[in-house]
Amino acid sequence: MENIQQELLKKLSDESSINEIQSYIKKVMEVRGFNKEKSSDKILLLVEEVGELAKAIRKNESKLGIDKTKEYNYSSIESEIADVFIVLLSICDILNIDLFKVFLDKEEENIKRIWLVNK
């Protein structure tokens, strides 16, 4: 199983598109046996991962207190962002959503909006 995942990962590069990464995640989820999960289960996992990201960010804010005895349990912000991205892509796969396409569509909407910025 590890060899299959390594081979799939080697096909990605710095120039890989979102669609290529989404395809990779689909294949890896199948290899890991996560391809049968429901979107409702995945959204709970996404919320969990966002919570871990929030904790990692809070850990790095020096003005906020953390339990120093548990600091080794905390993951890096980068690692947690990657987890959020992976779960998001797996949700897209379950729901047959082309993330790149919906991103472009949404940005077309956003461009037409008038954004008020606090100054």
N, C-alpha and C. Protein backbone atom coordinates (compact mmCIF):
# COMPACT_ATOMS: atom_id res chain seq x y z
N MET A 1 0.82 -1.20 0.00
CA MET A 1 0.00 0.00 0.00
C MET A 1 0.87 1.26 0.00
N GLU A 2 1.94 1.25 0.79
CA GLU A 2 2.83 2.41 0.85
C GLU A 2 3.47 2.68 -0.51
N ASN A 3 3.86 1.60 -1.22
CA ASN A 3 4.47 1.77 -2.55
C ASN A 3 3.51 2.41 -3.53
N ILE A 4 2.24 1.99 -3.49
CA ILE A 4 1.23 2.56 -4.39
C ILE A 4 1.08 4.06 -4.12
N GLN A 5 1.02 4.41 -2.84
CA GLN A 5 0.86 5.82 -2.47
C GLN A 5 2.08 6.63 -2.89
N GLN A 6 3.27 6.06 -2.72
CA GLN A 6 4.50 6.75 -3.14
C GLN A 6 4.50 6.99 -4.64
N GLU A 7 4.09 5.98 -5.40
CA GLU A 7 4.04 6.12 -6.86
C GLU A 7 3.05 7.21 -7.27
N LEU A 8 1.90 7.25 -6.63
CA LEU A 8 0.91 8.29 -6.93
C LEU A 8 1.46 9.67 -6.58
N LEU A 9 2.12 9.77 -5.43
CA LEU A 9 2.66 11.06 -4.98
C LEU A 9 3.76 11.56 -5.91
N LYS A 10 4.58 10.65 -6.43
CA LYS A 10 5.67 11.03 -7.33
C LYS A 10 5.16 11.67 -8.62
N LYS A 11 3.91 11.41 -8.97
CA LYS A 11 3.34 11.98 -10.20
C LYS A 11 2.98 13.46 -10.03
N LEU A 12 2.95 13.93 -8.79
CA LEU A 12 2.65 15.34 -8.54
C LEU A 12 3.94 16.15 -8.53
N SER A 13 3.82 17.42 -8.89
CA SER A 13 4.97 18.32 -8.88
C SER A 13 4.50 19.71 -8.46
N ASP A 14 5.43 20.64 -8.38
CA ASP A 14 5.09 22.03 -8.05
C ASP A 14 4.14 22.64 -9.07
N GLU A 15 4.12 22.09 -10.27
CA GLU A 15 3.26 22.60 -11.34
C GLU A 15 1.92 21.87 -11.43
N SER A 16 1.66 20.94 -10.54
CA SER A 16 0.41 20.18 -10.59
C SER A 16 -0.78 21.11 -10.39
N SER A 17 -1.83 20.85 -11.15
CA SER A 17 -3.05 21.65 -11.05
C SER A 17 -3.92 21.16 -9.89
N ILE A 18 -4.90 21.96 -9.54
CA ILE A 18 -5.85 21.53 -8.51
C ILE A 18 -6.54 20.24 -8.95
N ASN A 19 -6.88 20.16 -10.24
CA ASN A 19 -7.53 18.94 -10.74
C ASN A 19 -6.64 17.72 -10.59
N GLU A 20 -5.35 17.87 -10.83
CA GLU A 20 -4.42 16.75 -10.67
C GLU A 20 -4.31 16.35 -9.19
N ILE A 21 -4.27 17.34 -8.33
CA ILE A 21 -4.20 17.04 -6.89
C ILE A 21 -5.50 16.38 -6.44
N GLN A 22 -6.63 16.87 -6.95
CA GLN A 22 -7.93 16.27 -6.60
C GLN A 22 -7.99 14.82 -7.08
N SER A 23 -7.47 14.54 -8.24
CA SER A 23 -7.42 13.17 -8.76
C SER A 23 -6.53 12.30 -7.88
N TYR A 24 -5.40 12.85 -7.46
CA TYR A 24 -4.50 12.13 -6.55
C TYR A 24 -5.22 11.76 -5.25
N ILE A 25 -5.92 12.73 -4.66
CA ILE A 25 -6.62 12.49 -3.40
C ILE A 25 -7.68 11.40 -3.58
N LYS A 26 -8.39 11.44 -4.70
CA LYS A 26 -9.40 10.40 -4.98
C LYS A 26 -8.75 9.02 -4.97
N LYS A 27 -7.63 8.87 -5.66
CA LYS A 27 -6.95 7.57 -5.74
C LYS A 27 -6.41 7.14 -4.38
N VAL A 28 -5.83 8.08 -3.64
CA VAL A 28 -5.26 7.77 -2.33
C VAL A 28 -6.36 7.37 -1.34
N MET A 29 -7.49 8.03 -1.41
CA MET A 29 -8.61 7.67 -0.53
C MET A 29 -9.08 6.24 -0.82
N GLU A 30 -9.05 5.84 -2.09
CA GLU A 30 -9.40 4.46 -2.45
C GLU A 30 -8.38 3.49 -1.87
N VAL A 31 -7.10 3.81 -2.02
CA VAL A 31 -6.03 2.93 -1.50
C VAL A 31 -6.14 2.79 0.01
N ARG A 32 -6.43 3.89 0.69
CA ARG A 32 -6.51 3.88 2.16
C ARG A 32 -7.84 3.33 2.68
N GLY A 33 -8.80 3.11 1.77
CA GLY A 33 -10.09 2.56 2.17
C GLY A 33 -11.07 3.60 2.68
N PHE A 34 -10.82 4.88 2.38
CA PHE A 34 -11.70 5.95 2.85
C PHE A 34 -12.72 6.38 1.80
N ASN A 35 -12.76 5.71 0.67
CA ASN A 35 -13.62 6.14 -0.44
C ASN A 35 -15.09 5.79 -0.24
N LYS A 36 -15.42 5.05 0.79
CA LYS A 36 -16.82 4.68 1.05
C LYS A 36 -17.47 5.60 2.09
N GLU A 37 -16.71 6.55 2.62
CA GLU A 37 -17.26 7.45 3.64
C GLU A 37 -18.27 8.41 3.02
N LYS A 38 -19.25 8.79 3.81
CA LYS A 38 -20.29 9.70 3.36
C LYS A 38 -19.82 11.15 3.54
N SER A 39 -20.43 12.04 2.77
CA SER A 39 -20.07 13.45 2.88
C SER A 39 -20.38 13.99 4.28
N SER A 40 -21.44 13.48 4.92
CA SER A 40 -21.76 13.94 6.28
C SER A 40 -20.67 13.56 7.27
N ASP A 41 -20.03 12.41 7.07
CA ASP A 41 -18.90 12.02 7.92
C ASP A 41 -17.68 12.89 7.63
N LYS A 42 -17.47 13.17 6.35
CA LYS A 42 -16.31 13.97 5.95
C LYS A 42 -16.42 15.41 6.45
N ILE A 43 -17.64 15.96 6.47
CA ILE A 43 -17.77 17.34 6.94
C ILE A 43 -17.44 17.42 8.43
N LEU A 44 -17.80 16.38 9.18
CA LEU A 44 -17.41 16.35 10.59
C LEU A 44 -15.89 16.30 10.73
N LEU A 45 -15.25 15.51 9.88
CA LEU A 45 -13.80 15.44 9.89
C LEU A 45 -13.19 16.79 9.51
N LEU A 46 -13.81 17.47 8.53
CA LEU A 46 -13.31 18.79 8.13
C LEU A 46 -13.39 19.77 9.29
N VAL A 47 -14.50 19.76 10.01
CA VAL A 47 -14.65 20.65 11.17
C VAL A 47 -13.59 20.33 12.22
N GLU A 48 -13.33 19.05 12.43
CA GLU A 48 -12.29 18.63 13.37
C GLU A 48 -10.92 19.16 12.94
N GLU A 49 -10.62 19.03 11.65
CA GLU A 49 -9.33 19.50 11.14
C GLU A 49 -9.21 21.03 11.23
N VAL A 50 -10.31 21.73 10.97
CA VAL A 50 -10.30 23.20 11.11
C VAL A 50 -10.05 23.57 12.57
N GLY A 51 -10.63 22.81 13.49
CA GLY A 51 -10.37 23.04 14.91
C GLY A 51 -8.90 22.83 15.26
N GLU A 52 -8.29 21.81 14.69
CA GLU A 52 -6.86 21.57 14.92
C GLU A 52 -6.02 22.69 14.32
N LEU A 53 -6.45 23.21 13.18
CA LEU A 53 -5.76 24.36 12.58
C LEU A 53 -5.88 25.57 13.50
N ALA A 54 -7.06 25.79 14.05
CA ALA A 54 -7.26 26.91 14.97
C ALA A 54 -6.34 26.77 16.19
N LYS A 55 -6.22 25.55 16.70
CA LYS A 55 -5.35 25.32 17.85
C LYS A 55 -3.88 25.59 17.49
N ALA A 56 -3.48 25.16 16.31
CA ALA A 56 -2.09 25.39 15.88
C ALA A 56 -1.81 26.88 15.74
N ILE A 57 -2.78 27.62 15.21
CA ILE A 57 -2.60 29.08 15.09
C ILE A 57 -2.56 29.71 16.47
N ARG A 58 -3.47 29.30 17.35
CA ARG A 58 -3.49 29.84 18.71
C ARG A 58 -2.18 29.55 19.43
N LYS A 59 -1.64 28.36 19.20
CA LYS A 59 -0.36 27.98 19.83
C LYS A 59 0.75 28.94 19.45
N ASN A 60 0.70 29.43 18.22
CA ASN A 60 1.76 30.33 17.74
C ASN A 60 1.54 31.78 18.12
N GLU A 61 0.37 32.10 18.67
CA GLU A 61 0.11 33.46 19.13
C GLU A 61 0.69 33.58 20.53
N SER A 62 1.77 34.30 20.67
CA SER A 62 2.48 34.35 21.95
C SER A 62 1.64 34.95 23.07
N LYS A 63 0.67 35.80 22.74
CA LYS A 63 -0.12 36.44 23.79
C LYS A 63 -1.20 35.53 24.37
N LEU A 64 -1.44 34.39 23.73
CA LEU A 64 -2.45 33.46 24.21
C LEU A 64 -1.80 32.30 24.95
N GLY A 65 -2.40 31.90 26.04
CA GLY A 65 -1.84 30.83 26.84
C GLY A 65 -2.10 29.45 26.26
N ILE A 66 -1.13 28.59 26.40
CA ILE A 66 -1.29 27.18 26.03
C ILE A 66 -0.68 26.33 27.13
N ASP A 67 -1.08 25.10 27.19
CA ASP A 67 -0.54 24.16 28.16
C ASP A 67 0.81 23.67 27.63
N LYS A 68 1.88 24.21 28.19
CA LYS A 68 3.23 23.87 27.72
C LYS A 68 3.55 22.39 27.89
N THR A 69 2.88 21.72 28.82
CA THR A 69 3.16 20.29 29.02
C THR A 69 2.60 19.45 27.87
N LYS A 70 1.66 20.04 27.09
CA LYS A 70 1.07 19.31 25.97
C LYS A 70 1.52 19.87 24.62
N GLU A 71 2.49 20.77 24.64
CA GLU A 71 2.92 21.42 23.41
C GLU A 71 3.38 20.42 22.35
N TYR A 72 3.96 19.33 22.76
CA TYR A 72 4.43 18.31 21.81
C TYR A 72 3.27 17.66 21.05
N ASN A 73 2.04 17.77 21.57
CA ASN A 73 0.86 17.20 20.91
C ASN A 73 0.37 18.05 19.74
N TYR A 74 0.81 19.29 19.69
CA TYR A 74 0.28 20.22 18.70
C TYR A 74 1.03 20.07 17.37
N SER A 75 0.28 20.09 16.30
CA SER A 75 0.87 20.03 14.96
C SER A 75 1.16 21.43 14.46
N SER A 76 1.95 21.51 13.40
CA SER A 76 2.27 22.81 12.81
C SER A 76 1.08 23.34 12.02
N ILE A 77 1.06 24.65 11.84
CA ILE A 77 0.01 25.29 11.04
C ILE A 77 0.02 24.69 9.64
N GLU A 78 1.19 24.53 9.06
CA GLU A 78 1.30 23.99 7.70
C GLU A 78 0.69 22.60 7.60
N SER A 79 0.97 21.77 8.58
CA SER A 79 0.44 20.41 8.58
C SER A 79 -1.08 20.41 8.68
N GLU A 80 -1.61 21.29 9.51
CA GLU A 80 -3.07 21.35 9.69
C GLU A 80 -3.76 21.93 8.47
N ILE A 81 -3.14 22.91 7.82
CA ILE A 81 -3.71 23.45 6.57
C ILE A 81 -3.76 22.34 5.52
N ALA A 82 -2.69 21.55 5.45
CA ALA A 82 -2.67 20.43 4.49
C ALA A 82 -3.79 19.44 4.80
N ASP A 83 -4.02 19.15 6.09
CA ASP A 83 -5.10 18.23 6.46
C ASP A 83 -6.46 18.78 6.02
N VAL A 84 -6.69 20.08 6.24
CA VAL A 84 -7.95 20.71 5.83
C VAL A 84 -8.12 20.58 4.32
N PHE A 85 -7.05 20.85 3.58
CA PHE A 85 -7.09 20.78 2.11
C PHE A 85 -7.40 19.36 1.64
N ILE A 86 -6.76 18.37 2.25
CA ILE A 86 -6.97 16.97 1.88
C ILE A 86 -8.42 16.57 2.11
N VAL A 87 -8.95 16.92 3.28
CA VAL A 87 -10.34 16.54 3.58
C VAL A 87 -11.30 17.29 2.66
N LEU A 88 -11.02 18.56 2.39
CA LEU A 88 -11.87 19.33 1.47
C LEU A 88 -11.91 18.67 0.09
N LEU A 89 -10.75 18.27 -0.41
CA LEU A 89 -10.70 17.61 -1.71
C LEU A 89 -11.43 16.26 -1.69
N SER A 90 -11.35 15.56 -0.58
CA SER A 90 -12.06 14.28 -0.51
C SER A 90 -13.58 14.49 -0.48
N ILE A 91 -14.03 15.58 0.12
CA ILE A 91 -15.46 15.93 0.09
C ILE A 91 -15.87 16.24 -1.34
N CYS A 92 -15.04 17.00 -2.04
CA CYS A 92 -15.33 17.32 -3.45
C CYS A 92 -15.47 16.04 -4.27
N ASP A 93 -14.62 15.08 -4.00
CA ASP A 93 -14.69 13.81 -4.73
C ASP A 93 -16.00 13.10 -4.47
N ILE A 94 -16.38 13.00 -3.21
CA ILE A 94 -17.63 12.31 -2.85
C ILE A 94 -18.83 12.97 -3.52
N LEU A 95 -18.81 14.31 -3.58
CA LEU A 95 -19.95 15.05 -4.12
C LEU A 95 -19.81 15.34 -5.62
N ASN A 96 -18.76 14.77 -6.24
CA ASN A 96 -18.50 14.99 -7.68
C ASN A 96 -18.40 16.47 -8.03
N ILE A 97 -17.62 17.19 -7.24
CA ILE A 97 -17.42 18.62 -7.46
C ILE A 97 -16.02 18.84 -8.01
N ASP A 98 -15.94 19.54 -9.12
CA ASP A 98 -14.67 19.96 -9.71
C ASP A 98 -14.28 21.26 -9.00
N LEU A 99 -13.36 21.16 -8.05
CA LEU A 99 -13.01 22.31 -7.21
C LEU A 99 -12.50 23.48 -8.03
N PHE A 100 -11.71 23.21 -9.04
CA PHE A 100 -11.17 24.30 -9.87
C PHE A 100 -12.30 25.04 -10.57
N LYS A 101 -13.24 24.31 -11.14
CA LYS A 101 -14.36 24.93 -11.85
C LYS A 101 -15.22 25.77 -10.90
N VAL A 102 -15.58 25.21 -9.75
CA VAL A 102 -16.43 25.97 -8.83
C VAL A 102 -15.69 27.17 -8.25
N PHE A 103 -14.36 27.04 -8.10
CA PHE A 103 -13.55 28.18 -7.66
C PHE A 103 -13.64 29.31 -8.69
N LEU A 104 -13.45 28.98 -9.97
CA LEU A 104 -13.54 30.00 -11.02
C LEU A 104 -14.92 30.63 -11.06
N ASP A 105 -15.96 29.80 -10.98
CA ASP A 105 -17.33 30.31 -11.00
C ASP A 105 -17.57 31.27 -9.83
N LYS A 106 -17.12 30.90 -8.66
CA LYS A 106 -17.32 31.73 -7.47
C LYS A 106 -16.54 33.03 -7.57
N GLU A 107 -15.34 32.97 -8.10
CA GLU A 107 -14.55 34.20 -8.26
C GLU A 107 -15.18 35.14 -9.27
N GLU A 108 -15.83 34.59 -10.30
CA GLU A 108 -16.57 35.44 -11.25
C GLU A 108 -17.67 36.20 -10.51
N GLU A 109 -18.35 35.53 -9.59
CA GLU A 109 -19.36 36.20 -8.76
C GLU A 109 -18.72 37.26 -7.87
N ASN A 110 -17.62 36.88 -7.21
CA ASN A 110 -16.96 37.79 -6.28
C ASN A 110 -16.44 39.05 -6.96
N ILE A 111 -15.98 38.93 -8.18
CA ILE A 111 -15.47 40.08 -8.93
C ILE A 111 -16.57 41.12 -9.13
N LYS A 112 -17.79 40.68 -9.27
CA LYS A 112 -18.92 41.59 -9.52
C LYS A 112 -19.44 42.26 -8.25
N ARG A 113 -19.03 41.78 -7.10
CA ARG A 113 -19.50 42.34 -5.83
C ARG A 113 -18.76 43.62 -5.49
N ILE A 114 -19.40 44.43 -4.70
CA ILE A 114 -18.76 45.64 -4.17
C ILE A 114 -18.35 45.32 -2.74
N TRP A 115 -17.06 45.38 -2.49
CA TRP A 115 -16.53 45.01 -1.19
C TRP A 115 -16.23 46.26 -0.39
N LEU A 116 -16.79 46.35 0.80
CA LEU A 116 -16.50 47.45 1.71
C LEU A 116 -15.38 47.00 2.63
N VAL A 117 -14.35 47.81 2.70
CA VAL A 117 -13.19 47.47 3.51
C VAL A 117 -13.08 48.49 4.63
N ASN A 118 -12.90 48.00 5.83
CA ASN A 118 -12.70 48.90 6.97
C ASN A 118 -11.34 49.57 6.84
N LYS A 119 -11.35 50.88 7.00
CA LYS A 119 -10.07 51.61 6.89
C LYS A 119 -9.76 52.32 8.17
